[in-house]
C-alpha atoms as a PDB file:
ATOM      1  CA  MET A   1     -57.567 120.748  44.867  1.00  0.00           C
ATOM      2  CA  THR A   2     -57.840 123.363  42.127  1.00  0.00           C
ATOM      3  CA  ASP A   3     -60.253 123.914  39.257  1.00  0.00           C
ATOM      4  CA  ASP A   4     -57.471 123.112  36.802  1.00  0.00           C
ATOM      5  CA  GLU A   5     -56.817 119.750  38.470  1.00  0.00           C
ATOM      6  CA  ILE A   6     -60.512 118.866  38.429  1.00  0.00           C
ATOM      7  CA  GLU A   7     -60.816 119.669  34.723  1.00  0.00           C
ATOM      8  CA  LEU A   8     -57.612 117.734  33.963  1.00  0.00           C
ATOM      9  CA  ASN A   9     -58.842 114.645  35.799  1.00  0.00           C
ATOM     10  CA  LEU A  10     -62.301 114.761  34.250  1.00  0.00           C
ATOM     11  CA  ASP A  11     -60.855 115.081  30.754  1.00  0.00           C
ATOM     12  CA  THR A  12     -58.321 112.305  31.364  1.00  0.00           C
ATOM     13  CA  GLN A  13     -60.879 109.886  32.798  1.00  0.00           C
ATOM     14  CA  ALA A  14     -63.183 110.560  29.854  1.00  0.00           C
ATOM     15  CA  ARG A  15     -60.359 109.765  27.432  1.00  0.00           C
ATOM     16  CA  ARG A  16     -59.502 106.564  29.310  1.00  0.00           C
ATOM     17  CA  LEU A  17     -63.133 105.435  29.246  1.00  0.00           C
ATOM     18  CA  SER A  18     -63.295 106.188  25.541  1.00  0.00           C
ATOM     19  CA  GLU A  19     -60.209 104.024  24.925  1.00  0.00           C
ATOM     20  CA  LEU A  20     -61.712 101.242  27.026  1.00  0.00           C
ATOM     21  CA  ASP A  21     -64.941 101.447  25.042  1.00  0.00           C
ATOM     22  CA  ASP A  22     -62.966 101.183  21.780  1.00  0.00           C
ATOM     23  CA  VAL A  23     -61.100  98.102  23.028  1.00  0.00           C
ATOM     24  CA  ILE A  24     -64.349  96.392  24.114  1.00  0.00           C
ATOM     25  CA  SER A  25     -66.036  97.193  20.802  1.00  0.00           C
ATOM     26  CA  ALA A  26     -63.053  95.840  18.860  1.00  0.00           C
ATOM     27  CA  ALA A  27     -63.017  92.620  20.934  1.00  0.00           C
ATOM     28  CA  LEU A  28     -66.743  92.035  20.374  1.00  0.00           C
ATOM     29  CA  ASN A  29     -66.259  92.488  16.627  1.00  0.00           C
ATOM     30  CA  ASP A  30     -63.149  90.264  16.526  1.00  0.00           C
ATOM     31  CA  GLU A  31     -61.076  93.245  15.454  1.00  0.00           C
ATOM     32  CA  HIS A  32     -57.523  94.025  16.455  1.00  0.00           C
ATOM     33  CA  THR A  33     -56.886  97.249  18.289  1.00  0.00           C
ATOM     34  CA  PRO A  34     -53.436  98.814  18.675  1.00  0.00           C
ATOM     35  CA  ILE A  35     -54.447 100.563  21.894  1.00  0.00           C
ATOM     36  CA  ALA A  36     -52.596  99.242  24.920  1.00  0.00           C
ATOM     37  CA  LEU A  37     -54.423 100.074  28.100  1.00  0.00           C
ATOM     38  CA  PRO A  38     -52.005 100.866  30.921  1.00  0.00           C
ATOM     39  CA  GLU A  39     -52.479  99.270  34.287  1.00  0.00           C
ATOM     40  CA  SER A  40     -53.160 101.689  37.101  1.00  0.00           C
ATOM     41  CA  PRO A  41     -53.288 101.118  40.860  1.00  0.00           C
ATOM     42  CA  GLN A  42     -56.693  99.998  42.098  1.00  0.00           C
ATOM     43  CA  ARG A  43     -56.720 102.410  45.017  1.00  0.00           C
ATOM     44  CA  GLN A  44     -55.431 105.937  44.675  1.00  0.00           C
ATOM     45  CA  SER A  45     -55.775 109.114  46.642  1.00  0.00           C
ATOM     46  CA  TYR A  46     -56.878 112.189  44.739  1.00  0.00           C
ATOM     47  CA  GLU A  47     -53.307 113.488  44.674  1.00  0.00           C
ATOM     48  CA  GLU A  48     -52.041 110.132  43.361  1.00  0.00           C
ATOM     49  CA  LEU A  49     -54.780 110.065  40.712  1.00  0.00           C
ATOM     50  CA  THR A  50     -53.831 113.548  39.587  1.00  0.00           C
ATOM     51  CA  THR A  51     -50.142 112.660  39.351  1.00  0.00           C
ATOM     52  CA  TYR A  52     -50.920 109.466  37.431  1.00  0.00           C
ATOM     53  CA  ASN A  53     -53.166 111.303  34.983  1.00  0.00           C
ATOM     54  CA  GLN A  54     -50.541 113.972  34.398  1.00  0.00           C
ATOM     55  CA  GLN A  55     -47.988 111.282  33.527  1.00  0.00           C
ATOM     56  CA  LEU A  56     -50.469 109.456  31.283  1.00  0.00           C
ATOM     57  CA  ARG A  57     -51.334 112.654  29.419  1.00  0.00           C
ATOM     58  CA  ALA A  58     -47.654 113.285  28.781  1.00  0.00           C
ATOM     59  CA  GLN A  59     -47.267 109.747  27.363  1.00  0.00           C
ATOM     60  CA  ARG A  60     -50.403 109.990  25.227  1.00  0.00           C
ATOM     61  CA  GLY A  61     -49.733 113.557  24.095  1.00  0.00           C
ATOM     62  CA  TRP A  62     -53.047 114.810  25.440  1.00  0.00           C
ATOM     63  CA  GLU A  63     -52.256 118.507  25.604  1.00  0.00           C
ATOM     64  CA  PHE A  64     -55.712 120.086  25.453  1.00  0.00           C
ATOM     65  CA  ILE A  65     -58.608 119.757  27.853  1.00  0.00           C
ATOM     66  CA  ASP A  66     -62.036 119.495  26.204  1.00  0.00           C
ATOM     67  CA  LEU A  67     -64.719 118.871  28.782  1.00  0.00           C
ATOM     68  CA  ASN A  68     -67.404 118.731  26.072  1.00  0.00           C
ATOM     69  CA  GLN A  69     -65.984 115.395  25.021  1.00  0.00           C
ATOM     70  CA  ALA A  70     -66.482 114.109  28.546  1.00  0.00           C
ATOM     71  CA  LEU A  71     -70.240 114.559  28.269  1.00  0.00           C
ATOM     72  CA  THR A  72     -72.784 112.538  26.383  1.00  0.00           C
ATOM     73  CA  GLY A  73     -75.214 114.255  24.024  1.00  0.00           C
ATOM     74  CA  PRO A  74     -78.047 114.485  26.586  1.00  0.00           C
ATOM     75  CA  GLN A  75     -75.608 115.617  29.279  1.00  0.00           C
ATOM     76  CA  ARG A  76     -74.209 118.321  27.007  1.00  0.00           C
ATOM     77  CA  GLU A  77     -77.722 119.546  26.189  1.00  0.00           C
ATOM     78  CA  ALA A  78     -78.646 119.619  29.870  1.00  0.00           C
ATOM     79  CA  TRP A  79     -75.486 121.572  30.651  1.00  0.00           C
ATOM     80  CA  GLU A  80     -76.221 124.163  27.956  1.00  0.00           C
ATOM     81  CA  ASN A  81     -79.799 124.528  29.225  1.00  0.00           C
ATOM     82  CA  TRP A  82     -78.493 125.084  32.736  1.00  0.00           C
ATOM     83  CA  LEU A  83     -76.120 127.781  31.528  1.00  0.00           C
ATOM     84  CA  THR A  84     -78.957 129.663  29.867  1.00  0.00           C
ATOM     85  CA  LYS A  85     -81.075 129.601  33.040  1.00  0.00           C
ATOM     86  CA  HIS A  86     -78.474 130.268  35.699  1.00  0.00           C
ATOM     87  CA  ARG A  87     -75.897 132.934  36.187  1.00  0.00           C
ATOM     88  CA  LEU A  88     -72.354 131.655  36.318  1.00  0.00           C
ATOM     89  CA  GLY A  89     -70.611 132.014  39.631  1.00  0.00           C
ATOM     90  CA  TRP A  90     -68.618 135.166  40.152  1.00  0.00           C
ATOM     91  CA  ARG A  91     -64.874 135.035  40.597  1.00  0.00           C
ATOM     92  CA  SER A  92     -62.771 137.418  42.639  1.00  0.00           C
ATOM     93  CA  THR A  93     -61.923 139.430  39.521  1.00  0.00           C
ATOM     94  CA  ASP A  94     -65.643 139.956  38.847  1.00  0.00           C
ATOM     95  CA  TYR A  95     -66.215 141.360  42.335  1.00  0.00           C
ATOM     96  CA  LEU A  96     -63.123 143.543  41.957  1.00  0.00           C
ATOM     97  CA  ALA A  97     -64.334 144.977  38.645  1.00  0.00           C
ATOM     98  CA  VAL A  98     -67.830 145.697  39.959  1.00  0.00           C
ATOM     99  CA  GLY A  99     -66.449 147.245  43.144  1.00  0.00           C
ATOM    100  CA  ALA A 100     -64.049 149.474  41.219  1.00  0.00           C
ATOM    101  CA  THR A 101     -66.842 150.589  38.884  1.00  0.00           C
ATOM    102  CA  GLY A 102     -69.132 151.389  41.791  1.00  0.00           C
ATOM    103  CA  LEU A 103     -66.394 153.372  43.520  1.00  0.00           C
ATOM    104  CA  VAL A 104     -65.697 155.406  40.379  1.00  0.00           C
ATOM    105  CA  GLY A 105     -69.425 156.065  39.968  1.00  0.00           C
ATOM    106  CA  LEU A 106     -69.739 157.161  43.599  1.00  0.00           C
ATOM    107  CA  LEU A 107     -66.795 159.540  43.307  1.00  0.00           C
ATOM    108  CA  CYS A 108     -68.157 160.975  40.061  1.00  0.00           C
ATOM    109  CA  SER A 109     -71.553 161.495  41.671  1.00  0.00           C
ATOM    110  CA  CYS A 110     -70.009 163.234  44.682  1.00  0.00           C
ATOM    111  CA  PHE A 111     -67.829 165.486  42.561  1.00  0.00           C
ATOM    112  CA  ASP A 112     -70.691 166.228  40.188  1.00  0.00           C
ATOM    113  CA  SER A 113     -73.092 167.135  42.995  1.00  0.00           C
ATOM    114  CA  THR A 114     -70.503 169.292  44.743  1.00  0.00           C
ATOM    115  CA  ILE A 115     -69.356 171.132  41.636  1.00  0.00           C
ATOM    116  CA  ASP A 116     -72.881 171.451  40.253  1.00  0.00           C
ATOM    117  CA  GLY A 117     -74.173 172.839  43.529  1.00  0.00           C
ATOM    118  CA  ALA A 118     -71.317 175.344  43.821  1.00  0.00           C
ATOM    119  CA  VAL A 119     -71.744 176.544  40.234  1.00  0.00           C
ATOM    120  CA  ARG A 120     -75.522 176.828  40.654  1.00  0.00           C
ATOM    121  CA  ASN A 121     -75.129 178.904  43.806  1.00  0.00           C
ATOM    122  CA  HIS A 122     -72.682 181.289  42.140  1.00  0.00           C
ATOM    123  CA  LEU A 123     -74.832 181.639  39.026  1.00  0.00           C
ATOM    124  CA  LYS A 124     -77.918 182.286  41.138  1.00  0.00           C
ATOM    125  CA  LYS A 125     -76.282 185.407  42.501  1.00  0.00           C
ATOM    126  CA  LEU A 126     -75.976 186.772  38.963  1.00  0.00           C
ATOM    127  CA  THR A 127     -79.751 186.815  38.426  1.00  0.00           C
ATOM    128  CA  ASP A 128     -80.052 189.984  40.523  1.00  0.00           C
ATOM    129  CA  THR A 129     -77.320 191.866  38.684  1.00  0.00           C
ATOM    130  CA  ALA A 130     -78.218 194.749  36.392  1.00  0.00           C
ATOM    131  CA  MET A 131     -76.565 193.068  33.413  1.00  0.00           C
ATOM    132  CA  VAL A 132     -78.616 189.874  33.646  1.00  0.00           C
ATOM    133  CA  GLN A 133     -81.818 191.816  34.259  1.00  0.00           C
ATOM    134  CA  LYS A 134     -81.026 193.813  31.128  1.00  0.00           C
ATOM    135  CA  TRP A 135     -80.599 190.544  29.194  1.00  0.00           C
ATOM    136  CA  GLU A 136     -83.915 189.265  30.484  1.00  0.00           C
ATOM    137  CA  ALA A 137     -85.686 192.455  29.474  1.00  0.00           C
ATOM    138  CA  ALA A 138     -84.154 192.424  26.003  1.00  0.00           C
ATOM    139  CA  GLY A 139     -85.020 188.781  25.485  1.00  0.00           C
ATOM    140  CA  LYS A 140     -88.634 188.899  26.617  1.00  0.00           C
ATOM    141  CA  ARG A 141     -91.590 188.218  24.328  1.00  0.00           C
ATOM    142  CA  LEU A 142     -89.590 186.180  21.862  1.00  0.00           C
ATOM    143  CA  PRO A 143     -91.492 183.438  20.001  1.00  0.00           C
ATOM    144  CA  ILE A 144     -89.153 180.763  21.387  1.00  0.00           C
ATOM    145  CA  ASP A 145     -90.832 181.290  24.787  1.00  0.00           C
ATOM    146  CA  TYR A 146     -94.295 180.361  23.498  1.00  0.00           C
ATOM    147  CA  MET A 147     -96.319 178.796  26.338  1.00  0.00           C
ATOM    148  CA  GLY A 148     -99.443 177.622  24.534  1.00  0.00           C
ATOM    149  CA  PRO A 149    -101.146 174.212  25.017  1.00  0.00           C
ATOM    150  CA  GLY A 150     -98.546 171.415  24.968  1.00  0.00           C
ATOM    151  CA  PHE A 151     -95.579 173.765  25.319  1.00  0.00           C
ATOM    152  CA  GLY A 152     -95.926 175.341  28.739  1.00  0.00           C
ATOM    153  CA  GLY A 153     -94.471 174.322  32.075  1.00  0.00           C
ATOM    154  CA  ARG A 154     -90.948 173.575  33.242  1.00  0.00           C
ATOM    155  CA  ALA A 155     -90.168 171.540  30.123  1.00  0.00           C
ATOM    156  CA  HIS A 156     -90.966 174.249  27.565  1.00  0.00           C
ATOM    157  CA  ARG A 157     -87.287 174.764  26.753  1.00  0.00           C
ATOM    158  CA  VAL A 158     -86.825 171.184  25.568  1.00  0.00           C
ATOM    159  CA  LYS A 159     -90.002 171.114  23.473  1.00  0.00           C
ATOM    160  CA  SER A 160     -88.843 173.340  20.635  1.00  0.00           C
ATOM    161  CA  ALA A 161     -85.740 174.420  18.772  1.00  0.00           C
ATOM    162  CA  GLY A 162     -85.668 177.876  20.347  1.00  0.00           C
ATOM    163  CA  HIS A 163     -83.611 176.851  23.379  1.00  0.00           C
ATOM    164  CA  ASP A 164     -81.610 174.094  21.649  1.00  0.00           C
ATOM    165  CA  ILE A 165     -78.097 175.376  21.004  1.00  0.00           C
ATOM    166  CA  ALA A 166     -77.675 172.575  18.456  1.00  0.00           C
ATOM    167  CA  ARG A 167     -80.313 174.281  16.268  1.00  0.00           C
ATOM    168  CA  PRO A 168     -79.278 177.962  16.201  1.00  0.00           C
ATOM    169  CA  VAL A 169     -80.445 178.555  12.622  1.00  0.00           C
ATOM    170  CA  GLU A 170     -84.030 177.489  13.370  1.00  0.00           C
ATOM    171  CA  ALA A 171     -84.061 179.461  16.639  1.00  0.00           C
ATOM    172  CA  LEU A 172     -82.761 182.580  14.909  1.00  0.00           C
ATOM    173  CA  ARG A 173     -85.271 182.184  12.068  1.00  0.00           C
ATOM    174  CA  GLN A 174     -88.156 182.087  14.544  1.00  0.00           C
ATOM    175  CA  VAL A 175     -86.955 185.251  16.248  1.00  0.00           C
ATOM    176  CA  ILE A 176     -86.454 187.087  12.941  1.00  0.00           C
ATOM    177  CA  GLN A 177     -89.868 186.095  11.606  1.00  0.00           C
ATOM    178  CA  GLY A 178     -91.687 186.441  14.933  1.00  0.00           C
ATOM    179  CA  GLU A 179     -93.094 182.957  14.493  1.00  0.00           C
ATOM    180  CA  PHE A 180     -93.023 179.977  16.870  1.00  0.00           C
ATOM    181  CA  ARG A 181     -92.747 176.481  15.352  1.00  0.00           C
ATOM    182  CA  GLY A 182     -92.803 173.230  17.277  1.00  0.00           C
ATOM    183  CA  VAL A 183     -94.292 169.760  17.591  1.00  0.00           C
ATOM    184  CA  ARG A 184     -97.112 168.923  19.981  1.00  0.00           C
ATOM    185  CA  TRP A 185     -97.946 165.261  20.658  1.00  0.00           C
ATOM    186  CA  VAL A 186    -101.603 164.257  20.968  1.00  0.00           C
ATOM    187  CA  ASP A 187    -102.260 160.551  21.643  1.00  0.00           C
ATOM    188  CA  GLY A 188     -98.888 159.692  20.157  1.00  0.00           C
ATOM    189  CA  VAL A 189     -99.548 161.641  16.971  1.00  0.00           C
ATOM    190  CA  PRO A 190     -97.322 164.657  16.160  1.00  0.00           C
ATOM    191  CA  GLN A 191     -99.029 167.946  15.384  1.00  0.00           C
ATOM    192  CA  ARG A 192     -97.025 170.736  13.822  1.00  0.00           C
ATOM    193  CA  VAL A 193     -97.775 173.974  15.630  1.00  0.00           C
ATOM    194  CA  VAL A 194     -97.160 177.405  14.126  1.00  0.00           C
ATOM    195  CA  GLU A 195     -97.994 180.495  16.170  1.00  0.00           C
ATOM    196  CA  ASN A 196     -97.568 183.985  14.770  1.00  0.00           C
ATOM    197  CA  GLY A 197     -99.239 187.333  14.889  1.00  0.00           C
ATOM    198  CA  VAL A 198     -98.594 187.853  18.594  1.00  0.00           C
ATOM    199  CA  PHE A 199     -94.840 188.324  18.342  1.00  0.00           C
ATOM    200  CA  ARG A 200     -92.877 191.087  16.721  1.00  0.00           C
ATOM    201  CA  GLY A 201     -91.607 190.029  13.306  1.00  0.00           C
ATOM    202  CA  GLN A 202     -89.270 191.225  10.588  1.00  0.00           C
ATOM    203  CA  ILE A 203     -86.470 191.832  13.078  1.00  0.00           C
ATOM    204  CA  PRO A 204     -83.038 192.607  11.558  1.00  0.00           C
ATOM    205  CA  VAL A 205     -80.627 189.689  11.760  1.00  0.00           C
ATOM    206  CA  THR A 206     -78.152 191.505  14.011  1.00  0.00           C
ATOM    207  CA  GLU A 207     -80.838 192.553  16.487  1.00  0.00           C
ATOM    208  CA  ALA A 208     -82.433 189.089  16.421  1.00  0.00           C
ATOM    209  CA  ALA A 209     -79.083 187.377  17.084  1.00  0.00           C
ATOM    210  CA  THR A 210     -78.335 189.763  19.950  1.00  0.00           C
ATOM    211  CA  ARG A 211     -81.744 189.319  21.593  1.00  0.00           C
ATOM    212  CA  LEU A 212     -81.555 185.524  21.181  1.00  0.00           C
ATOM    213  CA  ALA A 213     -78.078 185.417  22.749  1.00  0.00           C
ATOM    214  CA  GLN A 214     -79.195 187.603  25.661  1.00  0.00           C
ATOM    215  CA  HIS A 215     -82.274 185.447  26.185  1.00  0.00           C
ATOM    216  CA  LEU A 216     -80.274 182.201  26.247  1.00  0.00           C
ATOM    217  CA  LEU A 217     -77.569 183.634  28.508  1.00  0.00           C
ATOM    218  CA  ALA A 218     -80.236 184.745  30.974  1.00  0.00           C
ATOM    219  CA  ASP A 219     -81.784 181.253  30.858  1.00  0.00           C
ATOM    220  CA  VAL A 220     -78.467 179.481  31.426  1.00  0.00           C
ATOM    221  CA  ILE A 221     -78.114 180.774  34.966  1.00  0.00           C
ATOM    222  CA  THR A 222     -81.645 179.786  36.001  1.00  0.00           C
ATOM    223  CA  PRO A 223     -82.139 176.549  37.998  1.00  0.00           C
ATOM    224  CA  MET A 224     -83.449 174.660  34.913  1.00  0.00           C
ATOM    225  CA  SER A 225     -80.732 176.151  32.684  1.00  0.00           C
ATOM    226  CA  LEU A 226     -80.803 174.932  29.050  1.00  0.00           C
ATOM    227  CA  PRO A 227     -81.344 171.374  27.780  1.00  0.00           C
ATOM    228  CA  MET A 228     -78.457 169.403  26.354  1.00  0.00           C
ATOM    229  CA  PRO A 229     -77.834 170.069  22.655  1.00  0.00           C
ATOM    230  CA  GLY A 230     -80.092 168.065  20.375  1.00  0.00           C
ATOM    231  CA  MET A 231     -82.717 167.201  22.987  1.00  0.00           C
ATOM    232  CA  SER A 232     -85.465 168.991  21.037  1.00  0.00           C
ATOM    233  CA  LEU A 233     -84.826 166.661  18.104  1.00  0.00           C
ATOM    234  CA  LEU A 234     -85.276 163.654  20.387  1.00  0.00           C
ATOM    235  CA  TYR A 235     -88.467 165.161  21.765  1.00  0.00           C
ATOM    236  CA  GLU A 236     -89.846 165.521  18.234  1.00  0.00           C
ATOM    237  CA  ASN A 237     -88.793 161.980  17.264  1.00  0.00           C
ATOM    238  CA  ASP A 238     -91.480 159.375  16.532  1.00  0.00           C
ATOM    239  CA  SER A 239     -89.988 157.042  19.160  1.00  0.00           C
ATOM    240  CA  LYS A 240     -91.718 157.453  22.520  1.00  0.00           C
ATOM    241  CA  ALA A 241     -88.597 156.099  24.246  1.00  0.00           C
ATOM    242  CA  LEU A 242     -86.493 158.936  22.800  1.00  0.00           C
ATOM    243  CA  HIS A 243     -89.290 161.395  23.485  1.00  0.00           C
ATOM    244  CA  ASP A 244     -89.371 160.390  27.161  1.00  0.00           C
ATOM    245  CA  PHE A 245     -85.571 160.295  27.372  1.00  0.00           C
ATOM    246  CA  ALA A 246     -85.370 163.929  26.271  1.00  0.00           C
ATOM    247  CA  LEU A 247     -87.725 164.935  29.081  1.00  0.00           C
ATOM    248  CA  HIS A 248     -85.926 162.794  31.684  1.00  0.00           C
ATOM    249  CA  ALA A 249     -82.545 164.178  30.619  1.00  0.00           C
ATOM    250  CA  TYR A 250     -83.858 167.672  31.242  1.00  0.00           C
ATOM    251  CA  GLY A 251     -85.140 166.669  34.660  1.00  0.00           C
ATOM    252  CA  VAL A 252     -88.848 166.506  33.827  1.00  0.00           C
ATOM    253  CA  SER A 253     -90.884 163.307  34.090  1.00  0.00           C
ATOM    254  CA  PRO A 254     -93.237 162.505  31.198  1.00  0.00           C
ATOM    255  CA  VAL A 255     -96.925 162.730  32.004  1.00  0.00           C
ATOM    256  CA  ASN A 256     -98.388 159.295  32.703  1.00  0.00           C
ATOM    257  CA  ARG A 257    -101.357 159.177  30.362  1.00  0.00           C
ATOM    258  CA  SER A 258    -102.421 157.551  27.123  1.00  0.00           C
ATOM    259  CA  GLY A 259    -101.388 160.532  25.019  1.00  0.00           C
ATOM    260  CA  TRP A 260     -97.871 161.827  24.934  1.00  0.00           C
ATOM    261  CA  VAL A 261     -96.963 165.142  26.503  1.00  0.00           C
END
């Protein structure tokens, strides 16, 4: 017994009952009907019923199976309601697809963790080299490292354009002018923050670009590295979901309080 046989038999029996109903209605109304109902054996096994229905469908030209026609209006409504409330049963192909996806995800996670760990360990060794220490010294006290209220902590690099490689013009402008600019959220309301006077300003473009590059290169090899490009724009977005996503993507959980971080 297969699903196809069940659907074929249900559709065929529904069509036969419909023909019988038409004949009875015509007889009650003294109307002539051209439908000739075939005689079928009174007792049939399921296999015999299936064979008979297949032959009858070939004679009648019933090529398509439409189980909706086998249901009454209330039955069809009940069936649709059931479908909306229950998950359809999984087939073998569904389990295969989910299993294959899970396996790919597991392999990606293993490779990612292995490669990420190896790269992090190698980069960590560079932090003690004279070159990197020179970069750190040259890049210190830049406005992009402002740590005032709302911008400090492990997430400071994702909270402004200074460490966002997708916004190099804004980062360079801050370094040249010696002025930090960012957005601080207070109770879900954005506050534009400008901090100057404590950083060196009026830096030549070439020197500013060099110091910014050295600063970012020194940050790349730290455990927190740099945020993904564009994350500062998501952090500054009015949507709290995007705001929180930017922090999560950088590996920092948003603070659980009424006001945004």
